[in-house]
Amino acid sequence: MHELMNDVISIINGQTQDRVDGIRASLQRDKLFIFDRKVKIIAGDTVIRLLPNNVQEEYLVINADFFSGDVDTTHYECKLEKIPNIQKNRSTEQPVYNITANQSNVILNSSQSTINSTVDNSNVFSALKSTANKNFQGDALRTINDLISETEKSVGELSFKDKCNQLVSQLAAYGSIFAQIIPAIKQLCS
């Protein structure tokens, strides 16, 4: 099996943004196989592969299953969803959100060329879902929307702060797509 590991990939941890390079693997459309038992990979991580033509492909890890066995059969099998290059280009055109929360006012990156609006707690979650719907599809979109909905349902409960912080960690894994609104969400979490 090890002779089939023809790809060299990098993994970016979805929570800490730590990057591990030079991992031998087999990446096949929406599946990834890694026979290195020391590698750590979980759902929400990003897999990067540089093609021979210097085009970089990025994949979101949807599910990572570890199969234990002897030295030759122990491996990870991961379900992936490709992050299209168009999403990465679109993410640089993110709007600037100006948010007013019940506790205090939060103004982010305001400028005269920005449309300023007031957003309450419920509208923050709507804005998050709208951003997710514009940038993702399939399992990745369902995962993100479920996390947003779960956090929104916990507003006013004791678990809200923890769920809100988990949401921020997960959204940070998507890089600049949610970067403009994350500081406002952090403010709501506190």
C-alpha atoms as a PDB file:
ATOM      1  CA  MET A   1       0.000   0.000   0.000  1.00  0.00           C
ATOM      2  CA  HIS A   2       2.813   2.415   0.783  1.00  0.00           C
ATOM      3  CA  GLU A   3       3.898   2.368  -2.880  1.00  0.00           C
ATOM      4  CA  LEU A   4       0.532   3.964  -3.762  1.00  0.00           C
ATOM      5  CA  MET A   5       1.282   7.028  -1.614  1.00  0.00           C
ATOM      6  CA  ASN A   6       2.283   9.239  -4.563  1.00  0.00           C
ATOM      7  CA  ASP A   7       1.073  12.578  -3.227  1.00  0.00           C
ATOM      8  CA  VAL A   8       2.903  14.867  -0.825  1.00  0.00           C
ATOM      9  CA  ILE A   9       0.466  16.983   1.157  1.00  0.00           C
ATOM     10  CA  SER A  10       0.330  19.509   3.953  1.00  0.00           C
ATOM     11  CA  ILE A  11      -2.271  19.551   6.723  1.00  0.00           C
ATOM     12  CA  ILE A  12      -3.402  22.738   8.456  1.00  0.00           C
ATOM     13  CA  ASN A  13      -5.090  22.140  11.804  1.00  0.00           C
ATOM     14  CA  GLY A  14      -8.540  23.721  11.701  1.00  0.00           C
ATOM     15  CA  GLN A  15      -8.366  24.983  15.270  1.00  0.00           C
ATOM     16  CA  THR A  16      -4.749  26.000  15.871  1.00  0.00           C
ATOM     17  CA  GLN A  17      -3.716  26.746  12.257  1.00  0.00           C
ATOM     18  CA  ASP A  18      -0.555  24.657  12.851  1.00  0.00           C
ATOM     19  CA  ARG A  19       0.809  23.310   9.571  1.00  0.00           C
ATOM     20  CA  VAL A  20       2.535  19.976   8.950  1.00  0.00           C
ATOM     21  CA  ASP A  21       4.263  19.560   5.564  1.00  0.00           C
ATOM     22  CA  GLY A  22       5.736  16.639   3.643  1.00  0.00           C
ATOM     23  CA  ILE A  23       3.120  13.976   4.436  1.00  0.00           C
ATOM     24  CA  ARG A  24       3.026  11.081   1.959  1.00  0.00           C
ATOM     25  CA  ALA A  25      -0.536  10.212   1.024  1.00  0.00           C
ATOM     26  CA  SER A  26      -2.889   9.104  -1.704  1.00  0.00           C
ATOM     27  CA  LEU A  27      -5.442  11.767  -2.604  1.00  0.00           C
ATOM     28  CA  GLN A  28      -8.192  10.554  -4.920  1.00  0.00           C
ATOM     29  CA  ARG A  29     -10.994  12.998  -5.771  1.00  0.00           C
ATOM     30  CA  ASP A  30     -12.841  13.162  -2.428  1.00  0.00           C
ATOM     31  CA  LYS A  31     -10.821  10.551  -0.490  1.00  0.00           C
ATOM     32  CA  LEU A  32      -7.481  10.743   1.284  1.00  0.00           C
ATOM     33  CA  PHE A  33      -5.437   7.793   2.542  1.00  0.00           C
ATOM     34  CA  ILE A  34      -2.497   8.262   4.930  1.00  0.00           C
ATOM     35  CA  PHE A  35      -0.482   5.282   6.211  1.00  0.00           C
ATOM     36  CA  ASP A  36       1.559   7.283   8.732  1.00  0.00           C
ATOM     37  CA  ARG A  37       0.199   6.522  12.212  1.00  0.00           C
ATOM     38  CA  LYS A  38       1.933   9.605  13.684  1.00  0.00           C
ATOM     39  CA  VAL A  39      -0.120  12.031  11.593  1.00  0.00           C
ATOM     40  CA  LYS A  40      -3.017  13.760  13.340  1.00  0.00           C
ATOM     41  CA  ILE A  41      -5.967  14.769  11.174  1.00  0.00           C
ATOM     42  CA  ILE A  42      -9.557  15.611  12.137  1.00  0.00           C
ATOM     43  CA  ALA A  43     -12.699  17.009  10.540  1.00  0.00           C
ATOM     44  CA  GLY A  44     -12.284  20.729   9.909  1.00  0.00           C
ATOM     45  CA  ASP A  45      -8.597  20.480   8.971  1.00  0.00           C
ATOM     46  CA  THR A  46      -7.398  21.673   5.555  1.00  0.00           C
ATOM     47  CA  VAL A  47      -5.371  19.474   3.210  1.00  0.00           C
ATOM     48  CA  ILE A  48      -3.129  21.200   0.669  1.00  0.00           C
ATOM     49  CA  ARG A  49      -1.609  19.553  -2.392  1.00  0.00           C
ATOM     50  CA  LEU A  50       0.746  21.291  -4.818  1.00  0.00           C
ATOM     51  CA  LEU A  51       0.330  19.958  -8.347  1.00  0.00           C
ATOM     52  CA  PRO A  52       3.258  19.561 -10.795  1.00  0.00           C
ATOM     53  CA  ASN A  53       2.090  22.724 -12.615  1.00  0.00           C
ATOM     54  CA  ASN A  54       2.403  24.694  -9.314  1.00  0.00           C
ATOM     55  CA  VAL A  55      -1.371  24.980  -8.870  1.00  0.00           C
ATOM     56  CA  GLN A  56      -2.310  24.568  -5.219  1.00  0.00           C
ATOM     57  CA  GLU A  57      -5.405  22.533  -4.387  1.00  0.00           C
ATOM     58  CA  GLU A  58      -7.127  22.820  -1.015  1.00  0.00           C
ATOM     59  CA  TYR A  59      -9.547  20.370   0.548  1.00  0.00           C
ATOM     60  CA  LEU A  60     -11.687  20.539   3.677  1.00  0.00           C
ATOM     61  CA  VAL A  61     -11.626  17.360   5.789  1.00  0.00           C
ATOM     62  CA  ILE A  62     -15.271  16.339   6.326  1.00  0.00           C
ATOM     63  CA  ASN A  63     -14.570  13.078   8.158  1.00  0.00           C
ATOM     64  CA  ALA A  64     -11.345  11.369   9.298  1.00  0.00           C
ATOM     65  CA  ASP A  65     -11.471   7.691  10.233  1.00  0.00           C
ATOM     66  CA  PHE A  66      -8.481   5.915  11.768  1.00  0.00           C
ATOM     67  CA  PHE A  67      -8.100   2.192  11.118  1.00  0.00           C
ATOM     68  CA  SER A  68      -5.739   0.356  13.463  1.00  0.00           C
ATOM     69  CA  GLY A  69      -3.880  -2.775  12.471  1.00  0.00           C
ATOM     70  CA  ASP A  70      -0.336  -3.904  11.877  1.00  0.00           C
ATOM     71  CA  VAL A  71       2.353  -1.587  10.499  1.00  0.00           C
ATOM     72  CA  ASP A  72       1.223  -2.088   6.893  1.00  0.00           C
ATOM     73  CA  THR A  73      -2.525  -1.679   7.425  1.00  0.00           C
ATOM     74  CA  THR A  74      -2.860   1.084  10.040  1.00  0.00           C
ATOM     75  CA  HIS A  75      -4.121   4.178   8.232  1.00  0.00           C
ATOM     76  CA  TYR A  76      -6.404   7.181   8.042  1.00  0.00           C
ATOM     77  CA  GLU A  77      -9.189   7.287   5.498  1.00  0.00           C
ATOM     78  CA  CYS A  78     -10.644  10.770   5.122  1.00  0.00           C
ATOM     79  CA  LYS A  79     -13.626  12.152   3.247  1.00  0.00           C
ATOM     80  CA  LEU A  80     -12.750  15.485   1.632  1.00  0.00           C
ATOM     81  CA  GLU A  81     -14.508  18.329  -0.111  1.00  0.00           C
ATOM     82  CA  LYS A  82     -12.475  20.418  -2.531  1.00  0.00           C
ATOM     83  CA  ILE A  83     -12.401  24.144  -1.807  1.00  0.00           C
ATOM     84  CA  PRO A  84     -12.730  25.722  -5.272  1.00  0.00           C
ATOM     85  CA  ASN A  85     -10.242  28.442  -6.209  1.00  0.00           C
ATOM     86  CA  ILE A  86     -13.175  30.732  -6.981  1.00  0.00           C
ATOM     87  CA  GLN A  87     -14.133  30.671  -3.285  1.00  0.00           C
ATOM     88  CA  LYS A  88     -10.640  31.769  -2.277  1.00  0.00           C
ATOM     89  CA  ASN A  89     -10.785  34.667  -4.763  1.00  0.00           C
ATOM     90  CA  ARG A  90     -14.281  35.607  -3.635  1.00  0.00           C
ATOM     91  CA  SER A  91     -13.209  35.619  -0.007  1.00  0.00           C
ATOM     92  CA  THR A  92     -10.996  38.670  -0.573  1.00  0.00           C
ATOM     93  CA  GLU A  93     -14.110  40.674  -1.457  1.00  0.00           C
ATOM     94  CA  GLN A  94     -15.757  40.229   1.947  1.00  0.00           C
ATOM     95  CA  PRO A  95     -18.010  43.025   3.145  1.00  0.00           C
ATOM     96  CA  VAL A  96     -17.174  44.928   6.290  1.00  0.00           C
ATOM     97  CA  TYR A  97     -19.734  44.334   9.047  1.00  0.00           C
ATOM     98  CA  ASN A  98     -20.522  47.033  11.574  1.00  0.00           C
ATOM     99  CA  ILE A  99     -22.345  45.390  14.446  1.00  0.00           C
ATOM    100  CA  THR A 100     -24.156  46.843  17.399  1.00  0.00           C
ATOM    101  CA  ALA A 101     -24.777  44.334  20.187  1.00  0.00           C
ATOM    102  CA  ASN A 102     -26.922  44.731  23.295  1.00  0.00           C
ATOM    103  CA  GLN A 103     -23.846  44.975  25.514  1.00  0.00           C
ATOM    104  CA  SER A 104     -21.841  47.511  23.521  1.00  0.00           C
ATOM    105  CA  ASN A 105     -21.115  48.864  20.077  1.00  0.00           C
ATOM    106  CA  VAL A 106     -18.640  47.033  17.888  1.00  0.00           C
ATOM    107  CA  ILE A 107     -17.347  48.760  14.769  1.00  0.00           C
ATOM    108  CA  LEU A 108     -14.988  46.815  12.528  1.00  0.00           C
ATOM    109  CA  ASN A 109     -12.913  48.217   9.666  1.00  0.00           C
ATOM    110  CA  SER A 110     -15.333  51.043   9.033  1.00  0.00           C
ATOM    111  CA  SER A 111     -14.635  53.350   6.108  1.00  0.00           C
ATOM    112  CA  GLN A 112     -16.604  55.754   3.926  1.00  0.00           C
ATOM    113  CA  SER A 113     -16.820  53.171   1.160  1.00  0.00           C
ATOM    114  CA  THR A 114     -18.530  50.685   3.462  1.00  0.00           C
ATOM    115  CA  ILE A 115     -22.256  50.293   3.889  1.00  0.00           C
ATOM    116  CA  ASN A 116     -22.801  50.633   7.620  1.00  0.00           C
ATOM    117  CA  SER A 117     -25.661  48.732   9.208  1.00  0.00           C
ATOM    118  CA  THR A 118     -26.877  47.793  12.650  1.00  0.00           C
ATOM    119  CA  VAL A 119     -26.984  44.068  13.339  1.00  0.00           C
ATOM    120  CA  ASP A 120     -28.408  42.468  16.489  1.00  0.00           C
ATOM    121  CA  ASN A 121     -27.584  38.992  17.787  1.00  0.00           C
ATOM    122  CA  SER A 122     -30.058  37.207  15.486  1.00  0.00           C
ATOM    123  CA  ASN A 123     -28.820  39.122  12.440  1.00  0.00           C
ATOM    124  CA  VAL A 124     -25.209  38.144  13.191  1.00  0.00           C
ATOM    125  CA  PHE A 125     -26.211  34.519  12.742  1.00  0.00           C
ATOM    126  CA  SER A 126     -28.128  35.367   9.550  1.00  0.00           C
ATOM    127  CA  ALA A 127     -25.046  37.126   8.205  1.00  0.00           C
ATOM    128  CA  LEU A 128     -22.925  34.077   9.053  1.00  0.00           C
ATOM    129  CA  LYS A 129     -25.333  31.726   7.275  1.00  0.00           C
ATOM    130  CA  SER A 130     -25.460  34.038   4.260  1.00  0.00           C
ATOM    131  CA  THR A 131     -21.647  34.073   4.048  1.00  0.00           C
ATOM    132  CA  ALA A 132     -21.548  30.275   4.366  1.00  0.00           C
ATOM    133  CA  ASN A 133     -24.201  29.833   1.647  1.00  0.00           C
ATOM    134  CA  LYS A 134     -22.216  32.046  -0.738  1.00  0.00           C
ATOM    135  CA  ASN A 135     -18.915  30.244  -0.179  1.00  0.00           C
ATOM    136  CA  PHE A 136     -19.664  26.573   0.491  1.00  0.00           C
ATOM    137  CA  GLN A 137     -21.779  23.695  -0.705  1.00  0.00           C
ATOM    138  CA  GLY A 138     -22.579  20.089   0.149  1.00  0.00           C
ATOM    139  CA  ASP A 139     -21.382  18.542   3.415  1.00  0.00           C
ATOM    140  CA  ALA A 140     -19.174  21.514   4.284  1.00  0.00           C
ATOM    141  CA  LEU A 141     -22.166  23.882   4.065  1.00  0.00           C
ATOM    142  CA  ARG A 142     -24.330  21.567   6.190  1.00  0.00           C
ATOM    143  CA  THR A 143     -21.599  21.260   8.826  1.00  0.00           C
ATOM    144  CA  ILE A 144     -21.097  25.031   9.053  1.00  0.00           C
ATOM    145  CA  ASN A 145     -24.829  25.833   9.099  1.00  0.00           C
ATOM    146  CA  ASP A 146     -25.467  23.194  11.787  1.00  0.00           C
ATOM    147  CA  LEU A 147     -22.752  24.728  13.970  1.00  0.00           C
ATOM    148  CA  ILE A 148     -24.160  28.236  13.462  1.00  0.00           C
ATOM    149  CA  SER A 149     -27.720  27.074  14.237  1.00  0.00           C
ATOM    150  CA  GLU A 150     -26.619  25.168  17.348  1.00  0.00           C
ATOM    151  CA  THR A 151     -24.848  28.270  18.658  1.00  0.00           C
ATOM    152  CA  GLU A 152     -27.812  30.507  17.816  1.00  0.00           C
ATOM    153  CA  LYS A 153     -30.195  28.198  19.703  1.00  0.00           C
ATOM    154  CA  SER A 154     -28.008  28.435  22.819  1.00  0.00           C
ATOM    155  CA  VAL A 155     -28.274  32.255  23.118  1.00  0.00           C
ATOM    156  CA  GLY A 156     -29.278  33.039  26.709  1.00  0.00           C
ATOM    157  CA  GLU A 157     -28.256  29.600  27.990  1.00  0.00           C
ATOM    158  CA  LEU A 158     -25.258  28.797  30.174  1.00  0.00           C
ATOM    159  CA  SER A 159     -23.685  26.845  27.292  1.00  0.00           C
ATOM    160  CA  PHE A 160     -23.768  29.858  24.932  1.00  0.00           C
ATOM    161  CA  LYS A 161     -20.258  31.142  25.703  1.00  0.00           C
ATOM    162  CA  ASP A 162     -18.663  27.714  25.104  1.00  0.00           C
ATOM    163  CA  LYS A 163     -20.659  27.079  21.930  1.00  0.00           C
ATOM    164  CA  CYS A 164     -19.893  30.585  20.694  1.00  0.00           C
ATOM    165  CA  ASN A 165     -16.154  30.080  21.261  1.00  0.00           C
ATOM    166  CA  GLN A 166     -16.324  26.711  19.444  1.00  0.00           C
ATOM    167  CA  LEU A 167     -18.050  28.448  16.549  1.00  0.00           C
ATOM    168  CA  VAL A 168     -15.306  31.087  16.390  1.00  0.00           C
ATOM    169  CA  SER A 169     -12.607  28.364  16.380  1.00  0.00           C
ATOM    170  CA  GLN A 170     -14.291  26.449  13.586  1.00  0.00           C
ATOM    171  CA  LEU A 171     -14.941  29.540  11.457  1.00  0.00           C
ATOM    172  CA  ALA A 172     -11.323  30.653  11.884  1.00  0.00           C
ATOM    173  CA  ALA A 173     -10.301  27.417  10.147  1.00  0.00           C
ATOM    174  CA  TYR A 174     -11.769  28.782   6.911  1.00  0.00           C
ATOM    175  CA  GLY A 175      -9.286  31.640   6.772  1.00  0.00           C
ATOM    176  CA  SER A 176     -10.426  34.942   5.332  1.00  0.00           C
ATOM    177  CA  ILE A 177     -13.962  33.820   4.436  1.00  0.00           C
ATOM    178  CA  PHE A 178     -15.309  34.738   7.894  1.00  0.00           C
ATOM    179  CA  ALA A 179     -12.417  36.993   8.975  1.00  0.00           C
ATOM    180  CA  GLN A 180     -14.398  40.239   8.873  1.00  0.00           C
ATOM    181  CA  ILE A 181     -17.167  39.038  11.196  1.00  0.00           C
ATOM    182  CA  ILE A 182     -15.201  36.866  13.656  1.00  0.00           C
ATOM    183  CA  PRO A 183     -14.181  39.798  15.917  1.00  0.00           C
ATOM    184  CA  ALA A 184     -17.843  40.763  16.250  1.00  0.00           C
ATOM    185  CA  ILE A 185     -18.791  37.194  17.140  1.00  0.00           C
ATOM    186  CA  LYS A 186     -16.021  37.156  19.773  1.00  0.00           C
ATOM    187  CA  GLN A 187     -17.546  40.291  21.258  1.00  0.00           C
ATOM    188  CA  LEU A 188     -20.942  38.553  21.466  1.00  0.00           C
ATOM    189  CA  CYS A 189     -19.287  35.571  23.167  1.00  0.00           C
ATOM    190  CA  SER A 190     -17.919  37.663  26.011  1.00  0.00           C
END
